[in-house]
Amino acid sequence: MNHLLLSVTNLGKTYTTHLGLNKVEALKNVTFSVDEGEYVAIMGESGSGKTTLLNILATLDTPTSGKVVLRGQDLSDIPESGRAAFRRESLGFVFQDFNLLDTFSIRDNICLPLVFSGVPYREMETRLIPLSKTLGIDTLLEKYPYEVSGGQKQRAAVARALITNPDVILADEPTGALDSRASDELLGLFAKINAGDGVKPGQTILMVTHSVQAASRAGRVLFIRDGEVFHQLYRGDMTDAQMFTKISDTLTILATGGHTKEEV
């Protein structure tokens, strides 16, 4: 039985525009939870609040109301001075544009979070070698980002996110800069690292995406509309194709301002 990993309760975020003339409510009363080992996709139209939610989960922004608790730690209790270390130790990030350093080799890019954490070189290698083999980039470690393909860059970014053994991977449009083949390969890797070894839960993944294809690989899809949780779709025993159809139907309802059956 999986254990509760992340709980988001009555989360709200209000931005005040220049000179305080207007207030924009980016999130309101967002509540959901994520169990250890879950693979959750977050979807919604541009401006729906997805990025704001991800930034709060990443401790890059603070909520106006409500709270986020990760493995028993209330994120609002983490002082500003401790947030970088918390992100480095507890969270793994995968971005659309890879965020790799061109002056560093693939090896050094992947190991960078461990360098900041003061991990001994021998332990870095112990973590790096099996991980790079799993992700199919073990032959690319001495190359530089500008020498490899977009798909290979993203695999390196995934390795960098995983090497710290984080509680959760936060992925922001991870297939956005990839062609269809590289996207399929990356989503296959996500499914693999999420599946685990059958003894313990696999890697927990929370992914913001506009891609129906990407979301259809997740175990649950959380739909955000106008800063609120509009609907949740659980995979159950659905195939990827059936999930794809269900997600597409829900997005149509969301875009036209309708209601799901659960809301009526």
C-alpha atoms as a PDB file:
ATOM      1  CA  MET A   1       0.000   0.000   0.000  1.00  0.00           C
ATOM      2  CA  ASN A   2       1.435   3.362  -1.027  1.00  0.00           C
ATOM      3  CA  HIS A   3       1.862   6.146   1.516  1.00  0.00           C
ATOM      4  CA  LEU A   4       0.783   9.773   1.270  1.00  0.00           C
ATOM      5  CA  LEU A   5       3.683  11.835  -0.055  1.00  0.00           C
ATOM      6  CA  LEU A   6       2.258  15.247  -0.949  1.00  0.00           C
ATOM      7  CA  SER A   7      -0.837  17.069   0.257  1.00  0.00           C
ATOM      8  CA  VAL A   8      -2.077  20.396  -1.078  1.00  0.00           C
ATOM      9  CA  THR A   9      -4.844  21.957   1.005  1.00  0.00           C
ATOM     10  CA  ASN A  10      -6.999  24.991   0.140  1.00  0.00           C
ATOM     11  CA  LEU A  11      -4.114  26.521  -1.772  1.00  0.00           C
ATOM     12  CA  GLY A  12      -4.611  30.079  -2.962  1.00  0.00           C
ATOM     13  CA  LYS A  13      -2.379  32.599  -4.693  1.00  0.00           C
ATOM     14  CA  THR A  14      -3.312  36.224  -5.388  1.00  0.00           C
ATOM     15  CA  TYR A  15      -1.021  38.580  -7.267  1.00  0.00           C
ATOM     16  CA  THR A  16      -1.307  42.340  -6.906  1.00  0.00           C
ATOM     17  CA  THR A  17      -0.581  44.232 -10.098  1.00  0.00           C
ATOM     18  CA  HIS A  18       1.574  47.343 -10.365  1.00  0.00           C
ATOM     19  CA  LEU A  19       0.604  50.058  -7.843  1.00  0.00           C
ATOM     20  CA  GLY A  20      -1.874  47.634  -6.282  1.00  0.00           C
ATOM     21  CA  LEU A  21      -4.701  48.695  -8.590  1.00  0.00           C
ATOM     22  CA  ASN A  22      -5.807  45.179  -9.494  1.00  0.00           C
ATOM     23  CA  LYS A  23      -5.608  41.736  -7.927  1.00  0.00           C
ATOM     24  CA  VAL A  24      -5.319  38.546  -9.943  1.00  0.00           C
ATOM     25  CA  GLU A  25      -6.385  35.290  -8.302  1.00  0.00           C
ATOM     26  CA  ALA A  26      -4.086  32.713  -9.894  1.00  0.00           C
ATOM     27  CA  LEU A  27      -5.119  29.831  -7.615  1.00  0.00           C
ATOM     28  CA  LYS A  28      -8.105  29.376  -5.334  1.00  0.00           C
ATOM     29  CA  ASN A  29      -8.904  26.540  -2.922  1.00  0.00           C
ATOM     30  CA  VAL A  30      -6.765  23.981  -4.759  1.00  0.00           C
ATOM     31  CA  THR A  31      -6.840  20.701  -2.840  1.00  0.00           C
ATOM     32  CA  PHE A  32      -5.385  17.338  -3.854  1.00  0.00           C
ATOM     33  CA  SER A  33      -2.936  14.720  -2.645  1.00  0.00           C
ATOM     34  CA  VAL A  34      -0.326  12.495  -4.235  1.00  0.00           C
ATOM     35  CA  ASP A  35       0.727   9.079  -2.956  1.00  0.00           C
ATOM     36  CA  GLU A  36       4.270   7.823  -3.102  1.00  0.00           C
ATOM     37  CA  GLY A  37       4.908   6.264  -6.498  1.00  0.00           C
ATOM     38  CA  GLU A  38       2.087   8.063  -8.345  1.00  0.00           C
ATOM     39  CA  TYR A  39       2.469   9.560 -11.820  1.00  0.00           C
ATOM     40  CA  VAL A  40       0.234  12.628 -12.083  1.00  0.00           C
ATOM     41  CA  ALA A  41      -0.171  14.954 -15.058  1.00  0.00           C
ATOM     42  CA  ILE A  42      -1.509  18.499 -14.612  1.00  0.00           C
ATOM     43  CA  MET A  43      -3.330  20.058 -17.556  1.00  0.00           C
ATOM     44  CA  GLY A  44      -5.172  23.286 -18.287  1.00  0.00           C
ATOM     45  CA  GLU A  45      -5.263  26.166 -20.718  1.00  0.00           C
ATOM     46  CA  SER A  46      -2.594  28.884 -20.638  1.00  0.00           C
ATOM     47  CA  GLY A  47      -3.242  31.149 -17.674  1.00  0.00           C
ATOM     48  CA  SER A  48      -5.169  28.480 -15.767  1.00  0.00           C
ATOM     49  CA  GLY A  49      -2.696  28.446 -12.872  1.00  0.00           C
ATOM     50  CA  LYS A  50      -0.604  25.361 -13.720  1.00  0.00           C
ATOM     51  CA  THR A  51       2.734  27.149 -13.658  1.00  0.00           C
ATOM     52  CA  THR A  52       1.866  29.009 -10.465  1.00  0.00           C
ATOM     53  CA  LEU A  53       0.993  25.700  -8.826  1.00  0.00           C
ATOM     54  CA  LEU A  54       4.256  24.114  -9.981  1.00  0.00           C
ATOM     55  CA  ASN A  55       6.273  27.104  -8.733  1.00  0.00           C
ATOM     56  CA  ILE A  56       4.670  26.843  -5.288  1.00  0.00           C
ATOM     57  CA  LEU A  57       5.338  23.091  -5.141  1.00  0.00           C
ATOM     58  CA  ALA A  58       8.954  23.879  -6.096  1.00  0.00           C
ATOM     59  CA  THR A  59       9.219  26.517  -3.296  1.00  0.00           C
ATOM     60  CA  LEU A  60       9.974  29.123  -5.970  1.00  0.00           C
ATOM     61  CA  ASP A  61       6.812  30.992  -4.953  1.00  0.00           C
ATOM     62  CA  THR A  62       4.752  31.178  -1.762  1.00  0.00           C
ATOM     63  CA  PRO A  63       0.968  30.781  -1.490  1.00  0.00           C
ATOM     64  CA  THR A  64      -1.337  33.518  -0.233  1.00  0.00           C
ATOM     65  CA  SER A  65      -3.392  30.916   1.630  1.00  0.00           C
ATOM     66  CA  GLY A  66      -3.488  27.196   2.259  1.00  0.00           C
ATOM     67  CA  LYS A  67      -0.516  24.889   2.614  1.00  0.00           C
ATOM     68  CA  VAL A  68       1.639  22.303   0.904  1.00  0.00           C
ATOM     69  CA  VAL A  69       3.095  19.405   2.899  1.00  0.00           C
ATOM     70  CA  LEU A  70       5.736  17.101   1.379  1.00  0.00           C
ATOM     71  CA  ARG A  71       6.605  14.003   3.373  1.00  0.00           C
ATOM     72  CA  GLY A  72       5.388  15.684   6.554  1.00  0.00           C
ATOM     73  CA  GLN A  73       7.276  18.937   5.915  1.00  0.00           C
ATOM     74  CA  ASP A  74       5.129  22.074   5.639  1.00  0.00           C
ATOM     75  CA  LEU A  75       6.871  23.983   2.859  1.00  0.00           C
ATOM     76  CA  SER A  76       5.940  27.325   4.401  1.00  0.00           C
ATOM     77  CA  ASP A  77       8.096  26.440   7.423  1.00  0.00           C
ATOM     78  CA  ILE A  78      11.241  26.251   5.299  1.00  0.00           C
ATOM     79  CA  PRO A  79      13.205  29.507   5.682  1.00  0.00           C
ATOM     80  CA  GLU A  80      14.334  31.324   2.550  1.00  0.00           C
ATOM     81  CA  SER A  81      17.933  30.416   3.371  1.00  0.00           C
ATOM     82  CA  GLY A  82      17.084  26.704   3.375  1.00  0.00           C
ATOM     83  CA  ARG A  83      14.987  26.462   0.232  1.00  0.00           C
ATOM     84  CA  ALA A  84      17.811  25.858  -2.226  1.00  0.00           C
ATOM     85  CA  ALA A  85      19.056  22.918  -0.163  1.00  0.00           C
ATOM     86  CA  PHE A  86      15.500  21.579   0.172  1.00  0.00           C
ATOM     87  CA  ARG A  87      14.985  21.719  -3.597  1.00  0.00           C
ATOM     88  CA  ARG A  88      18.323  20.037  -4.198  1.00  0.00           C
ATOM     89  CA  GLU A  89      17.636  17.189  -1.756  1.00  0.00           C
ATOM     90  CA  SER A  90      13.898  16.610  -2.114  1.00  0.00           C
ATOM     91  CA  LEU A  91      12.918  17.687  -5.637  1.00  0.00           C
ATOM     92  CA  GLY A  92      14.088  16.791  -9.123  1.00  0.00           C
ATOM     93  CA  PHE A  93      13.373  19.158 -12.028  1.00  0.00           C
ATOM     94  CA  VAL A  94      12.915  18.455 -15.727  1.00  0.00           C
ATOM     95  CA  PHE A  95      12.332  21.518 -17.907  1.00  0.00           C
ATOM     96  CA  GLN A  96      11.207  21.990 -21.495  1.00  0.00           C
ATOM     97  CA  ASP A  97      14.497  23.675 -22.479  1.00  0.00           C
ATOM     98  CA  PHE A  98      16.733  21.158 -20.632  1.00  0.00           C
ATOM     99  CA  ASN A  99      18.670  23.820 -18.623  1.00  0.00           C
ATOM    100  CA  LEU A 100      22.014  22.136 -19.252  1.00  0.00           C
ATOM    101  CA  LEU A 101      25.289  24.086 -19.082  1.00  0.00           C
ATOM    102  CA  ASP A 102      27.096  24.039 -22.439  1.00  0.00           C
ATOM    103  CA  THR A 103      30.514  24.479 -20.813  1.00  0.00           C
ATOM    104  CA  PHE A 104      30.007  21.299 -18.758  1.00  0.00           C
ATOM    105  CA  SER A 105      30.123  17.742 -20.067  1.00  0.00           C
ATOM    106  CA  ILE A 106      27.010  15.579 -19.818  1.00  0.00           C
ATOM    107  CA  ARG A 107      28.674  13.826 -16.870  1.00  0.00           C
ATOM    108  CA  ASP A 108      29.292  17.099 -15.028  1.00  0.00           C
ATOM    109  CA  ASN A 109      25.803  18.401 -15.770  1.00  0.00           C
ATOM    110  CA  ILE A 110      24.234  15.285 -14.276  1.00  0.00           C
ATOM    111  CA  CYS A 111      26.460  15.307 -11.179  1.00  0.00           C
ATOM    112  CA  LEU A 112      26.163  19.043 -10.490  1.00  0.00           C
ATOM    113  CA  PRO A 113      23.464  18.727  -7.760  1.00  0.00           C
ATOM    114  CA  LEU A 114      25.689  16.208  -5.939  1.00  0.00           C
ATOM    115  CA  VAL A 115      28.647  18.605  -6.134  1.00  0.00           C
ATOM    116  CA  PHE A 116      26.556  21.301  -4.452  1.00  0.00           C
ATOM    117  CA  SER A 117      25.541  18.788  -1.767  1.00  0.00           C
ATOM    118  CA  GLY A 118      29.152  17.798  -1.070  1.00  0.00           C
ATOM    119  CA  VAL A 119      28.736  14.161  -2.131  1.00  0.00           C
ATOM    120  CA  PRO A 120      32.095  12.343  -2.484  1.00  0.00           C
ATOM    121  CA  TYR A 121      33.266  11.652  -6.056  1.00  0.00           C
ATOM    122  CA  ARG A 122      33.189   7.871  -5.598  1.00  0.00           C
ATOM    123  CA  GLU A 123      29.535   7.971  -4.561  1.00  0.00           C
ATOM    124  CA  MET A 124      28.752  10.211  -7.548  1.00  0.00           C
ATOM    125  CA  GLU A 125      30.165   7.555  -9.867  1.00  0.00           C
ATOM    126  CA  THR A 126      28.295   4.805  -8.028  1.00  0.00           C
ATOM    127  CA  ARG A 127      25.029   6.636  -8.677  1.00  0.00           C
ATOM    128  CA  LEU A 128      25.875   7.896 -12.162  1.00  0.00           C
ATOM    129  CA  ILE A 129      26.909   4.704 -13.955  1.00  0.00           C
ATOM    130  CA  PRO A 130      23.765   2.557 -13.456  1.00  0.00           C
ATOM    131  CA  LEU A 131      21.508   5.589 -13.937  1.00  0.00           C
ATOM    132  CA  SER A 132      23.158   6.583 -17.218  1.00  0.00           C
ATOM    133  CA  LYS A 133      22.833   3.009 -18.469  1.00  0.00           C
ATOM    134  CA  THR A 134      19.150   2.897 -17.565  1.00  0.00           C
ATOM    135  CA  LEU A 135      18.579   6.116 -19.499  1.00  0.00           C
ATOM    136  CA  GLY A 136      20.712   5.012 -22.443  1.00  0.00           C
ATOM    137  CA  ILE A 137      23.268   7.820 -22.226  1.00  0.00           C
ATOM    138  CA  ASP A 138      26.237   5.965 -20.725  1.00  0.00           C
ATOM    139  CA  THR A 139      28.207   6.423 -23.971  1.00  0.00           C
ATOM    140  CA  LEU A 140      27.575  10.182 -24.027  1.00  0.00           C
ATOM    141  CA  LEU A 141      28.955  11.195 -20.628  1.00  0.00           C
ATOM    142  CA  GLU A 142      32.101  12.868 -21.979  1.00  0.00           C
ATOM    143  CA  LYS A 143      30.236  14.788 -24.693  1.00  0.00           C
ATOM    144  CA  TYR A 144      28.886  18.314 -24.288  1.00  0.00           C
ATOM    145  CA  PRO A 145      25.224  19.347 -24.634  1.00  0.00           C
ATOM    146  CA  TYR A 146      25.811  21.001 -28.023  1.00  0.00           C
ATOM    147  CA  GLU A 147      27.145  17.677 -29.344  1.00  0.00           C
ATOM    148  CA  VAL A 148      24.018  15.604 -28.645  1.00  0.00           C
ATOM    149  CA  SER A 149      20.388  15.591 -29.811  1.00  0.00           C
ATOM    150  CA  GLY A 150      17.429  17.176 -28.039  1.00  0.00           C
ATOM    151  CA  GLY A 151      16.205  13.789 -26.870  1.00  0.00           C
ATOM    152  CA  GLN A 152      19.633  12.965 -25.455  1.00  0.00           C
ATOM    153  CA  LYS A 153      19.781  16.340 -23.712  1.00  0.00           C
ATOM    154  CA  GLN A 154      16.451  15.630 -22.064  1.00  0.00           C
ATOM    155  CA  ARG A 155      17.645  12.196 -20.942  1.00  0.00           C
ATOM    156  CA  ALA A 156      20.635  13.932 -19.353  1.00  0.00           C
ATOM    157  CA  ALA A 157      18.270  16.368 -17.656  1.00  0.00           C
ATOM    158  CA  VAL A 158      16.209  13.439 -16.337  1.00  0.00           C
ATOM    159  CA  ALA A 159      19.398  11.814 -15.023  1.00  0.00           C
ATOM    160  CA  ARG A 160      20.332  15.061 -13.258  1.00  0.00           C
ATOM    161  CA  ALA A 161      16.856  15.142 -11.678  1.00  0.00           C
ATOM    162  CA  LEU A 162      17.033  11.505 -10.544  1.00  0.00           C
ATOM    163  CA  ILE A 163      20.606  11.336  -9.255  1.00  0.00           C
ATOM    164  CA  THR A 164      19.731  12.976  -5.924  1.00  0.00           C
ATOM    165  CA  ASN A 165      17.039  10.321  -5.233  1.00  0.00           C
ATOM    166  CA  PRO A 166      14.348  13.010  -4.860  1.00  0.00           C
ATOM    167  CA  ASP A 167      10.946  12.555  -3.269  1.00  0.00           C
ATOM    168  CA  VAL A 168       9.255  13.802  -6.420  1.00  0.00           C
ATOM    169  CA  ILE A 169      10.145  14.775  -9.982  1.00  0.00           C
ATOM    170  CA  LEU A 170       8.545  18.057 -11.103  1.00  0.00           C
ATOM    171  CA  ALA A 171       8.444  18.090 -14.901  1.00  0.00           C
ATOM    172  CA  ASP A 172       7.427  21.252 -16.759  1.00  0.00           C
ATOM    173  CA  GLU A 173       6.441  20.502 -20.384  1.00  0.00           C
ATOM    174  CA  PRO A 174       9.215  17.883 -20.650  1.00  0.00           C
ATOM    175  CA  THR A 175       8.308  16.891 -24.240  1.00  0.00           C
ATOM    176  CA  GLY A 176       7.703  20.462 -25.448  1.00  0.00           C
ATOM    177  CA  ALA A 177      11.019  20.832 -27.294  1.00  0.00           C
ATOM    178  CA  LEU A 178      11.206  17.260 -28.623  1.00  0.00           C
ATOM    179  CA  ASP A 179      10.111  15.650 -31.895  1.00  0.00           C
ATOM    180  CA  SER A 180       7.567  12.829 -31.794  1.00  0.00           C
ATOM    181  CA  ARG A 181      10.141  10.031 -31.646  1.00  0.00           C
ATOM    182  CA  ALA A 182      12.160  11.626 -28.848  1.00  0.00           C
ATOM    183  CA  SER A 183       8.897  12.371 -27.004  1.00  0.00           C
ATOM    184  CA  ASP A 184       7.834   8.727 -27.213  1.00  0.00           C
ATOM    185  CA  GLU A 185      11.235   7.627 -25.916  1.00  0.00           C
ATOM    186  CA  LEU A 186      11.163  10.077 -23.017  1.00  0.00           C
ATOM    187  CA  LEU A 187       7.623   9.085 -22.024  1.00  0.00           C
ATOM    188  CA  GLY A 188       8.693   5.450 -22.122  1.00  0.00           C
ATOM    189  CA  LEU A 189      11.532   6.283 -19.729  1.00  0.00           C
ATOM    190  CA  PHE A 190       9.175   8.143 -17.412  1.00  0.00           C
ATOM    191  CA  ALA A 191       6.892   5.088 -17.347  1.00  0.00           C
ATOM    192  CA  LYS A 192       9.892   2.874 -16.601  1.00  0.00           C
ATOM    193  CA  ILE A 193      11.243   4.923 -13.709  1.00  0.00           C
ATOM    194  CA  ASN A 194       7.724   5.318 -12.323  1.00  0.00           C
ATOM    195  CA  ALA A 195       7.048   1.563 -12.438  1.00  0.00           C
ATOM    196  CA  GLY A 196       9.733   0.761  -9.866  1.00  0.00           C
ATOM    197  CA  ASP A 197      11.035  -2.741  -9.272  1.00  0.00           C
ATOM    198  CA  GLY A 198       7.842  -4.342  -7.983  1.00  0.00           C
ATOM    199  CA  VAL A 199       9.104  -4.332  -4.392  1.00  0.00           C
ATOM    200  CA  LYS A 200       8.976  -0.630  -3.580  1.00  0.00           C
ATOM    201  CA  PRO A 201       7.101   2.216  -5.332  1.00  0.00           C
ATOM    202  CA  GLY A 202       8.806   3.775  -8.317  1.00  0.00           C
ATOM    203  CA  GLN A 203       9.684   7.430  -8.735  1.00  0.00           C
ATOM    204  CA  THR A 204       6.839   9.858  -8.023  1.00  0.00           C
ATOM    205  CA  ILE A 205       6.303  12.194 -10.984  1.00  0.00           C
ATOM    206  CA  LEU A 206       4.234  15.379 -11.206  1.00  0.00           C
ATOM    207  CA  MET A 207       4.163  16.679 -14.779  1.00  0.00           C
ATOM    208  CA  VAL A 208       2.669  19.872 -16.187  1.00  0.00           C
ATOM    209  CA  THR A 209       1.918  19.399 -19.859  1.00  0.00           C
ATOM    210  CA  HIS A 210      -0.181  20.615 -22.792  1.00  0.00           C
ATOM    211  CA  SER A 211       0.413  17.322 -24.581  1.00  0.00           C
ATOM    212  CA  VAL A 212      -2.503  14.881 -24.533  1.00  0.00           C
ATOM    213  CA  GLN A 213      -0.080  12.173 -25.605  1.00  0.00           C
ATOM    214  CA  ALA A 214       2.186  12.850 -22.618  1.00  0.00           C
ATOM    215  CA  ALA A 215      -0.695  13.036 -20.155  1.00  0.00           C
ATOM    216  CA  SER A 216      -2.190   9.789 -21.475  1.00  0.00           C
ATOM    217  CA  ARG A 217       0.818   7.925 -20.062  1.00  0.00           C
ATOM    218  CA  ALA A 218       0.138   9.122 -16.501  1.00  0.00           C
ATOM    219  CA  GLY A 219      -1.859   7.285 -13.870  1.00  0.00           C
ATOM    220  CA  ARG A 220      -3.986  10.336 -13.093  1.00  0.00           C
ATOM    221  CA  VAL A 221      -4.661  13.659 -14.771  1.00  0.00           C
ATOM    222  CA  LEU A 222      -5.519  16.764 -12.777  1.00  0.00           C
ATOM    223  CA  PHE A 223      -7.317  19.461 -14.794  1.00  0.00           C
ATOM    224  CA  ILE A 224      -7.009  23.095 -13.684  1.00  0.00           C
ATOM    225  CA  ARG A 225      -9.412  25.800 -14.872  1.00  0.00           C
ATOM    226  CA  ASP A 226      -9.403  29.422 -13.694  1.00  0.00           C
ATOM    227  CA  GLY A 227      -7.170  28.572 -10.760  1.00  0.00           C
ATOM    228  CA  GLU A 228      -9.290  25.695  -9.469  1.00  0.00           C
ATOM    229  CA  VAL A 229      -9.276  21.920  -9.763  1.00  0.00           C
ATOM    230  CA  PHE A 230     -11.886  21.331 -12.447  1.00  0.00           C
ATOM    231  CA  HIS A 231     -11.725  17.553 -12.724  1.00  0.00           C
ATOM    232  CA  GLN A 232      -9.543  14.516 -12.033  1.00  0.00           C
ATOM    233  CA  LEU A 233      -9.257  11.557 -14.365  1.00  0.00           C
ATOM    234  CA  TYR A 234      -7.942   8.237 -13.083  1.00  0.00           C
ATOM    235  CA  ARG A 235      -6.448   5.640 -15.414  1.00  0.00           C
ATOM    236  CA  GLY A 236      -7.843   2.554 -13.716  1.00  0.00           C
ATOM    237  CA  ASP A 237      -7.596  -0.213 -16.308  1.00  0.00           C
ATOM    238  CA  MET A 238      -7.717   2.126 -19.321  1.00  0.00           C
ATOM    239  CA  THR A 239      -5.150   1.786 -22.092  1.00  0.00           C
ATOM    240  CA  ASP A 240      -3.080   4.762 -23.267  1.00  0.00           C
ATOM    241  CA  ALA A 241      -5.439   5.129 -26.242  1.00  0.00           C
ATOM    242  CA  GLN A 242      -8.511   5.179 -24.003  1.00  0.00           C
ATOM    243  CA  MET A 243      -6.826   7.707 -21.701  1.00  0.00           C
ATOM    244  CA  PHE A 244      -5.985   9.840 -24.749  1.00  0.00           C
ATOM    245  CA  THR A 245      -9.681   9.925 -25.740  1.00  0.00           C
ATOM    246  CA  LYS A 246     -10.885  10.682 -22.203  1.00  0.00           C
ATOM    247  CA  ILE A 247      -8.364  13.488 -21.788  1.00  0.00           C
ATOM    248  CA  SER A 248      -9.276  15.000 -25.173  1.00  0.00           C
ATOM    249  CA  ASP A 249     -12.982  14.922 -24.273  1.00  0.00           C
ATOM    250  CA  THR A 250     -12.311  16.593 -20.914  1.00  0.00           C
ATOM    251  CA  LEU A 251     -10.176  19.310 -22.510  1.00  0.00           C
ATOM    252  CA  THR A 252     -12.992  20.040 -24.966  1.00  0.00           C
ATOM    253  CA  ILE A 253     -15.414  20.447 -22.077  1.00  0.00           C
ATOM    254  CA  LEU A 254     -12.893  22.612 -20.249  1.00  0.00           C
ATOM    255  CA  ALA A 255     -12.333  24.853 -23.287  1.00  0.00           C
ATOM    256  CA  THR A 256     -16.052  25.333 -23.947  1.00  0.00           C
ATOM    257  CA  GLY A 257     -16.909  26.114 -20.339  1.00  0.00           C
ATOM    258  CA  GLY A 258     -19.005  22.992 -19.811  1.00  0.00           C
ATOM    259  CA  HIS A 259     -19.160  20.582 -16.901  1.00  0.00           C
ATOM    260  CA  THR A 260     -18.002  17.031 -16.431  1.00  0.00           C
ATOM    261  CA  LYS A 261     -20.513  14.455 -15.257  1.00  0.00           C
ATOM    262  CA  GLU A 262     -18.952  14.562 -11.794  1.00  0.00           C
ATOM    263  CA  GLU A 263     -19.662  18.297 -11.529  1.00  0.00           C
ATOM    264  CA  VAL A 264     -23.292  18.149 -12.548  1.00  0.00           C
END
